[in-house]
């Protein structure tokens, strides 16, 4: 069990570092293989670890490039960021309206503190991580019952409620992003 958890965390971190486009499928499999709680924790750890490694790499090796190419687009955020660094990072991570790698590059470009970035990432991705691993965990129940996959399953409360919450968080994230512009 411990080996499989470690392999999953390292694999997840590597896929985050490489900006793998379908990493949410791995989050679903975390719920499928490990359940909602354990799967959610190891997905959050893997995502945080991979994001932190990417953040440190971008911050220390491409800082000048990002400051000249990206920071001038973020000038509206810079003052708010300086006053509310942790809150900004937490809100950035809480809503999935902006791709994960772009969130990391924004934090890097703004010169976020390493520990604040690490903590805000871990806490900010928790709600969405547990929603996705909950869906993955419920897929296990379908496989075990032998029920046929189809769109009729989406109307069951254990699937529709997490999906609605995920959509709400996405729309709130997009709304806040547009509001800050």
C-alpha atoms as a PDB file:
ATOM      1  CA  UNK A   1       0.000   0.000   0.000  1.00  0.00           C
ATOM      2  CA  UNK A   2       2.755   2.461   0.952  1.00  0.00           C
ATOM      3  CA  UNK A   3       4.663   1.744  -2.268  1.00  0.00           C
ATOM      4  CA  UNK A   4       1.555   2.283  -4.390  1.00  0.00           C
ATOM      5  CA  UNK A   5       0.826   5.586  -2.600  1.00  0.00           C
ATOM      6  CA  UNK A   6       4.398   6.795  -3.132  1.00  0.00           C
ATOM      7  CA  UNK A   7       4.383   5.740  -6.795  1.00  0.00           C
ATOM      8  CA  UNK A   8       1.070   7.532  -7.294  1.00  0.00           C
ATOM      9  CA  UNK A   9       2.316  10.738  -5.618  1.00  0.00           C
ATOM     10  CA  UNK A  10       5.565  10.793  -7.598  1.00  0.00           C
ATOM     11  CA  UNK A  11       3.755  10.000 -10.862  1.00  0.00           C
ATOM     12  CA  UNK A  12       1.219  12.728 -10.226  1.00  0.00           C
ATOM     13  CA  UNK A  13       3.955  15.239  -9.388  1.00  0.00           C
ATOM     14  CA  UNK A  14       5.851  14.400 -12.577  1.00  0.00           C
ATOM     15  CA  UNK A  15       2.719  14.834 -14.687  1.00  0.00           C
ATOM     16  CA  UNK A  16       2.080  18.229 -13.074  1.00  0.00           C
ATOM     17  CA  UNK A  17       5.670  19.294 -13.776  1.00  0.00           C
ATOM     18  CA  UNK A  18       5.263  18.196 -17.419  1.00  0.00           C
ATOM     19  CA  UNK A  19       1.869  19.948 -17.658  1.00  0.00           C
ATOM     20  CA  UNK A  20       0.107  16.734 -18.690  1.00  0.00           C
ATOM     21  CA  UNK A  21      -3.221  17.816 -20.202  1.00  0.00           C
ATOM     22  CA  UNK A  22      -5.461  15.098 -18.722  1.00  0.00           C
ATOM     23  CA  UNK A  23      -4.188  15.052 -15.161  1.00  0.00           C
ATOM     24  CA  UNK A  24      -7.812  15.150 -13.912  1.00  0.00           C
ATOM     25  CA  UNK A  25      -8.146  11.568 -15.121  1.00  0.00           C
ATOM     26  CA  UNK A  26      -5.365  10.645 -12.730  1.00  0.00           C
ATOM     27  CA  UNK A  27      -7.290  12.447  -9.979  1.00  0.00           C
ATOM     28  CA  UNK A  28     -10.315  10.297 -10.807  1.00  0.00           C
ATOM     29  CA  UNK A  29      -8.139   7.199 -10.626  1.00  0.00           C
ATOM     30  CA  UNK A  30      -6.862   8.357  -7.224  1.00  0.00           C
ATOM     31  CA  UNK A  31     -10.451   8.183  -6.002  1.00  0.00           C
ATOM     32  CA  UNK A  32     -11.002   4.890  -7.789  1.00  0.00           C
ATOM     33  CA  UNK A  33      -7.930   3.174  -6.321  1.00  0.00           C
ATOM     34  CA  UNK A  34      -7.669   4.795  -2.888  1.00  0.00           C
ATOM     35  CA  UNK A  35     -11.133   6.161  -2.069  1.00  0.00           C
ATOM     36  CA  UNK A  36     -12.258   9.732  -1.578  1.00  0.00           C
ATOM     37  CA  UNK A  37     -10.284  10.657   1.550  1.00  0.00           C
ATOM     38  CA  UNK A  38      -6.962   8.858   1.000  1.00  0.00           C
ATOM     39  CA  UNK A  39      -7.150   9.459  -2.756  1.00  0.00           C
ATOM     40  CA  UNK A  40      -7.890  13.135  -2.214  1.00  0.00           C
ATOM     41  CA  UNK A  41      -4.959  13.541   0.157  1.00  0.00           C
ATOM     42  CA  UNK A  42      -2.442  11.821  -2.091  1.00  0.00           C
ATOM     43  CA  UNK A  43      -3.692  13.683  -5.175  1.00  0.00           C
ATOM     44  CA  UNK A  44      -3.357  16.980  -3.255  1.00  0.00           C
ATOM     45  CA  UNK A  45       0.144  16.029  -2.090  1.00  0.00           C
ATOM     46  CA  UNK A  46       1.229  14.983  -5.596  1.00  0.00           C
ATOM     47  CA  UNK A  47      -0.254  18.094  -7.203  1.00  0.00           C
ATOM     48  CA  UNK A  48       1.268  20.381  -4.577  1.00  0.00           C
ATOM     49  CA  UNK A  49       4.673  18.725  -4.858  1.00  0.00           C
ATOM     50  CA  UNK A  50       4.703  18.881  -8.666  1.00  0.00           C
ATOM     51  CA  UNK A  51       3.435  22.442  -8.705  1.00  0.00           C
ATOM     52  CA  UNK A  52       6.011  23.514  -6.119  1.00  0.00           C
ATOM     53  CA  UNK A  53       8.885  21.983  -8.091  1.00  0.00           C
ATOM     54  CA  UNK A  54       7.628  23.708 -11.264  1.00  0.00           C
ATOM     55  CA  UNK A  55       7.199  26.972  -9.314  1.00  0.00           C
ATOM     56  CA  UNK A  56      10.736  26.896  -7.912  1.00  0.00           C
ATOM     57  CA  UNK A  57      12.162  25.985 -11.317  1.00  0.00           C
ATOM     58  CA  UNK A  58      10.276  28.826 -13.025  1.00  0.00           C
ATOM     59  CA  UNK A  59      11.021  31.294 -10.249  1.00  0.00           C
ATOM     60  CA  UNK A  60      14.746  30.729 -10.144  1.00  0.00           C
ATOM     61  CA  UNK A  61      15.595  29.858 -13.739  1.00  0.00           C
ATOM     62  CA  UNK A  62      13.152  31.931 -15.784  1.00  0.00           C
ATOM     63  CA  UNK A  63      12.454  34.842 -13.452  1.00  0.00           C
ATOM     64  CA  UNK A  64      13.780  37.527 -15.820  1.00  0.00           C
ATOM     65  CA  UNK A  65      11.937  36.061 -18.798  1.00  0.00           C
ATOM     66  CA  UNK A  66       8.602  35.926 -16.971  1.00  0.00           C
ATOM     67  CA  UNK A  67       9.006  39.391 -15.509  1.00  0.00           C
ATOM     68  CA  UNK A  68       9.537  40.913 -18.953  1.00  0.00           C
ATOM     69  CA  UNK A  69       6.950  38.798 -20.796  1.00  0.00           C
ATOM     70  CA  UNK A  70       4.244  38.203 -18.178  1.00  0.00           C
ATOM     71  CA  UNK A  71       4.470  40.676 -15.293  1.00  0.00           C
ATOM     72  CA  UNK A  72       3.491  43.716 -17.330  1.00  0.00           C
ATOM     73  CA  UNK A  73       0.165  41.940 -18.021  1.00  0.00           C
ATOM     74  CA  UNK A  74      -0.315  41.442 -14.284  1.00  0.00           C
ATOM     75  CA  UNK A  75       0.285  45.012 -13.143  1.00  0.00           C
ATOM     76  CA  UNK A  76      -3.309  45.275 -11.834  1.00  0.00           C
ATOM     77  CA  UNK A  77      -2.682  42.306  -9.561  1.00  0.00           C
ATOM     78  CA  UNK A  78       0.722  43.364  -8.310  1.00  0.00           C
ATOM     79  CA  UNK A  79      -0.460  45.867  -5.662  1.00  0.00           C
ATOM     80  CA  UNK A  80      -3.181  43.529  -4.401  1.00  0.00           C
ATOM     81  CA  UNK A  81      -0.670  40.688  -4.371  1.00  0.00           C
ATOM     82  CA  UNK A  82       1.860  42.617  -2.302  1.00  0.00           C
ATOM     83  CA  UNK A  83      -0.770  43.422   0.341  1.00  0.00           C
ATOM     84  CA  UNK A  84      -2.526  40.042   0.348  1.00  0.00           C
ATOM     85  CA  UNK A  85      -0.055  37.455  -0.911  1.00  0.00           C
ATOM     86  CA  UNK A  86      -1.483  34.371   0.786  1.00  0.00           C
ATOM     87  CA  UNK A  87      -5.116  35.337   0.075  1.00  0.00           C
ATOM     88  CA  UNK A  88      -4.318  35.998  -3.587  1.00  0.00           C
ATOM     89  CA  UNK A  89      -2.547  32.642  -3.951  1.00  0.00           C
ATOM     90  CA  UNK A  90      -5.312  30.803  -2.105  1.00  0.00           C
ATOM     91  CA  UNK A  91      -8.068  32.334  -4.251  1.00  0.00           C
ATOM     92  CA  UNK A  92      -6.022  31.651  -7.376  1.00  0.00           C
ATOM     93  CA  UNK A  93      -5.830  27.955  -6.451  1.00  0.00           C
ATOM     94  CA  UNK A  94      -9.364  27.638  -5.151  1.00  0.00           C
ATOM     95  CA  UNK A  95     -11.079  28.214  -8.478  1.00  0.00           C
ATOM     96  CA  UNK A  96     -10.301  26.121 -11.579  1.00  0.00           C
ATOM     97  CA  UNK A  97     -11.072  28.891 -14.085  1.00  0.00           C
ATOM     98  CA  UNK A  98      -7.366  29.362 -14.864  1.00  0.00           C
ATOM     99  CA  UNK A  99      -5.210  26.381 -15.900  1.00  0.00           C
ATOM    100  CA  UNK A 100      -3.000  25.029 -13.111  1.00  0.00           C
ATOM    101  CA  UNK A 101       0.294  25.736 -14.901  1.00  0.00           C
ATOM    102  CA  UNK A 102      -0.755  29.330 -15.645  1.00  0.00           C
ATOM    103  CA  UNK A 103      -1.631  29.822 -11.963  1.00  0.00           C
ATOM    104  CA  UNK A 104       1.844  28.617 -11.054  1.00  0.00           C
ATOM    105  CA  UNK A 105       3.489  30.917 -13.600  1.00  0.00           C
ATOM    106  CA  UNK A 106       1.486  33.885 -12.286  1.00  0.00           C
ATOM    107  CA  UNK A 107       2.638  33.162  -8.731  1.00  0.00           C
ATOM    108  CA  UNK A 108       6.201  32.758  -9.937  1.00  0.00           C
ATOM    109  CA  UNK A 109       6.104  36.004 -11.924  1.00  0.00           C
ATOM    110  CA  UNK A 110       4.779  37.915  -8.940  1.00  0.00           C
ATOM    111  CA  UNK A 111       7.622  36.562  -6.770  1.00  0.00           C
ATOM    112  CA  UNK A 112       5.484  34.613  -4.321  1.00  0.00           C
ATOM    113  CA  UNK A 113       7.053  33.380  -1.104  1.00  0.00           C
ATOM    114  CA  UNK A 114       7.871  29.655  -1.362  1.00  0.00           C
ATOM    115  CA  UNK A 115       6.142  28.610   1.872  1.00  0.00           C
ATOM    116  CA  UNK A 116       3.042  30.716   1.214  1.00  0.00           C
ATOM    117  CA  UNK A 117       2.822  29.247  -2.278  1.00  0.00           C
ATOM    118  CA  UNK A 118       3.167  25.707  -0.942  1.00  0.00           C
ATOM    119  CA  UNK A 119       0.517  26.151   1.757  1.00  0.00           C
ATOM    120  CA  UNK A 120      -1.921  28.107  -0.451  1.00  0.00           C
ATOM    121  CA  UNK A 121      -1.615  25.484  -3.181  1.00  0.00           C
ATOM    122  CA  UNK A 122      -2.216  22.564  -0.830  1.00  0.00           C
ATOM    123  CA  UNK A 123      -5.213  24.193   0.874  1.00  0.00           C
ATOM    124  CA  UNK A 124      -6.616  25.844  -2.244  1.00  0.00           C
ATOM    125  CA  UNK A 125      -6.816  22.697  -4.353  1.00  0.00           C
ATOM    126  CA  UNK A 126      -8.452  20.623  -1.602  1.00  0.00           C
ATOM    127  CA  UNK A 127     -12.126  21.264  -2.459  1.00  0.00           C
ATOM    128  CA  UNK A 128     -11.783  20.446  -6.145  1.00  0.00           C
ATOM    129  CA  UNK A 129      -9.471  17.530  -5.435  1.00  0.00           C
ATOM    130  CA  UNK A 130     -11.985  15.920  -3.097  1.00  0.00           C
ATOM    131  CA  UNK A 131     -14.836  16.518  -5.536  1.00  0.00           C
ATOM    132  CA  UNK A 132     -12.927  14.775  -8.323  1.00  0.00           C
ATOM    133  CA  UNK A 133     -11.717  11.893  -6.151  1.00  0.00           C
ATOM    134  CA  UNK A 134     -15.264  11.468  -4.828  1.00  0.00           C
ATOM    135  CA  UNK A 135     -16.467  11.032  -8.398  1.00  0.00           C
ATOM    136  CA  UNK A 136     -13.629   8.541  -8.986  1.00  0.00           C
ATOM    137  CA  UNK A 137     -14.517   6.672  -5.812  1.00  0.00           C
ATOM    138  CA  UNK A 138     -18.129   6.342  -6.934  1.00  0.00           C
ATOM    139  CA  UNK A 139     -17.006   4.957 -10.290  1.00  0.00           C
ATOM    140  CA  UNK A 140     -15.622   2.052  -8.274  1.00  0.00           C
ATOM    141  CA  UNK A 141     -19.132   1.348  -6.977  1.00  0.00           C
ATOM    142  CA  UNK A 142     -20.468   1.220 -10.544  1.00  0.00           C
ATOM    143  CA  UNK A 143     -17.738  -1.201 -11.580  1.00  0.00           C
ATOM    144  CA  UNK A 144     -18.417  -3.381  -8.548  1.00  0.00           C
ATOM    145  CA  UNK A 145     -22.184  -3.438  -9.149  1.00  0.00           C
ATOM    146  CA  UNK A 146     -21.847  -4.350 -12.818  1.00  0.00           C
ATOM    147  CA  UNK A 147     -24.135  -1.485 -13.828  1.00  0.00           C
ATOM    148  CA  UNK A 148     -23.747  -0.262 -17.390  1.00  0.00           C
ATOM    149  CA  UNK A 149     -22.056   3.096 -17.951  1.00  0.00           C
ATOM    150  CA  UNK A 150     -24.220   5.782 -19.502  1.00  0.00           C
ATOM    151  CA  UNK A 151     -25.475   9.322 -19.118  1.00  0.00           C
ATOM    152  CA  UNK A 152     -28.279   8.093 -16.878  1.00  0.00           C
ATOM    153  CA  UNK A 153     -25.722   7.766 -14.083  1.00  0.00           C
ATOM    154  CA  UNK A 154     -25.051  11.489 -13.978  1.00  0.00           C
ATOM    155  CA  UNK A 155     -28.477  12.139 -12.458  1.00  0.00           C
ATOM    156  CA  UNK A 156     -27.670  10.225  -9.287  1.00  0.00           C
ATOM    157  CA  UNK A 157     -26.914  12.485  -6.286  1.00  0.00           C
ATOM    158  CA  UNK A 158     -23.427  11.094  -5.641  1.00  0.00           C
ATOM    159  CA  UNK A 159     -22.394  12.286  -9.142  1.00  0.00           C
ATOM    160  CA  UNK A 160     -24.540  15.317  -9.868  1.00  0.00           C
ATOM    161  CA  UNK A 161     -23.835  17.160  -6.602  1.00  0.00           C
ATOM    162  CA  UNK A 162     -20.004  17.124  -6.957  1.00  0.00           C
ATOM    163  CA  UNK A 163     -20.307  18.041 -10.649  1.00  0.00           C
ATOM    164  CA  UNK A 164     -22.591  20.994  -9.833  1.00  0.00           C
ATOM    165  CA  UNK A 165     -20.178  22.172  -7.120  1.00  0.00           C
ATOM    166  CA  UNK A 166     -17.282  21.891  -9.578  1.00  0.00           C
ATOM    167  CA  UNK A 167     -19.176  23.978 -12.152  1.00  0.00           C
ATOM    168  CA  UNK A 168     -20.074  26.580  -9.526  1.00  0.00           C
ATOM    169  CA  UNK A 169     -16.438  26.887  -8.430  1.00  0.00           C
ATOM    170  CA  UNK A 170     -15.362  27.192 -12.072  1.00  0.00           C
ATOM    171  CA  UNK A 171     -17.894  29.920 -12.804  1.00  0.00           C
ATOM    172  CA  UNK A 172     -16.996  31.823  -9.629  1.00  0.00           C
ATOM    173  CA  UNK A 173     -13.318  31.619 -10.637  1.00  0.00           C
ATOM    174  CA  UNK A 174     -14.059  32.954 -14.126  1.00  0.00           C
ATOM    175  CA  UNK A 175     -16.267  35.689 -12.639  1.00  0.00           C
ATOM    176  CA  UNK A 176     -13.528  36.769 -10.205  1.00  0.00           C
ATOM    177  CA  UNK A 177     -10.943  36.691 -12.976  1.00  0.00           C
ATOM    178  CA  UNK A 178     -13.125  38.960 -15.145  1.00  0.00           C
ATOM    179  CA  UNK A 179     -13.925  41.197 -12.172  1.00  0.00           C
ATOM    180  CA  UNK A 180     -10.212  41.754 -11.490  1.00  0.00           C
ATOM    181  CA  UNK A 181      -9.639  42.744 -15.117  1.00  0.00           C
END
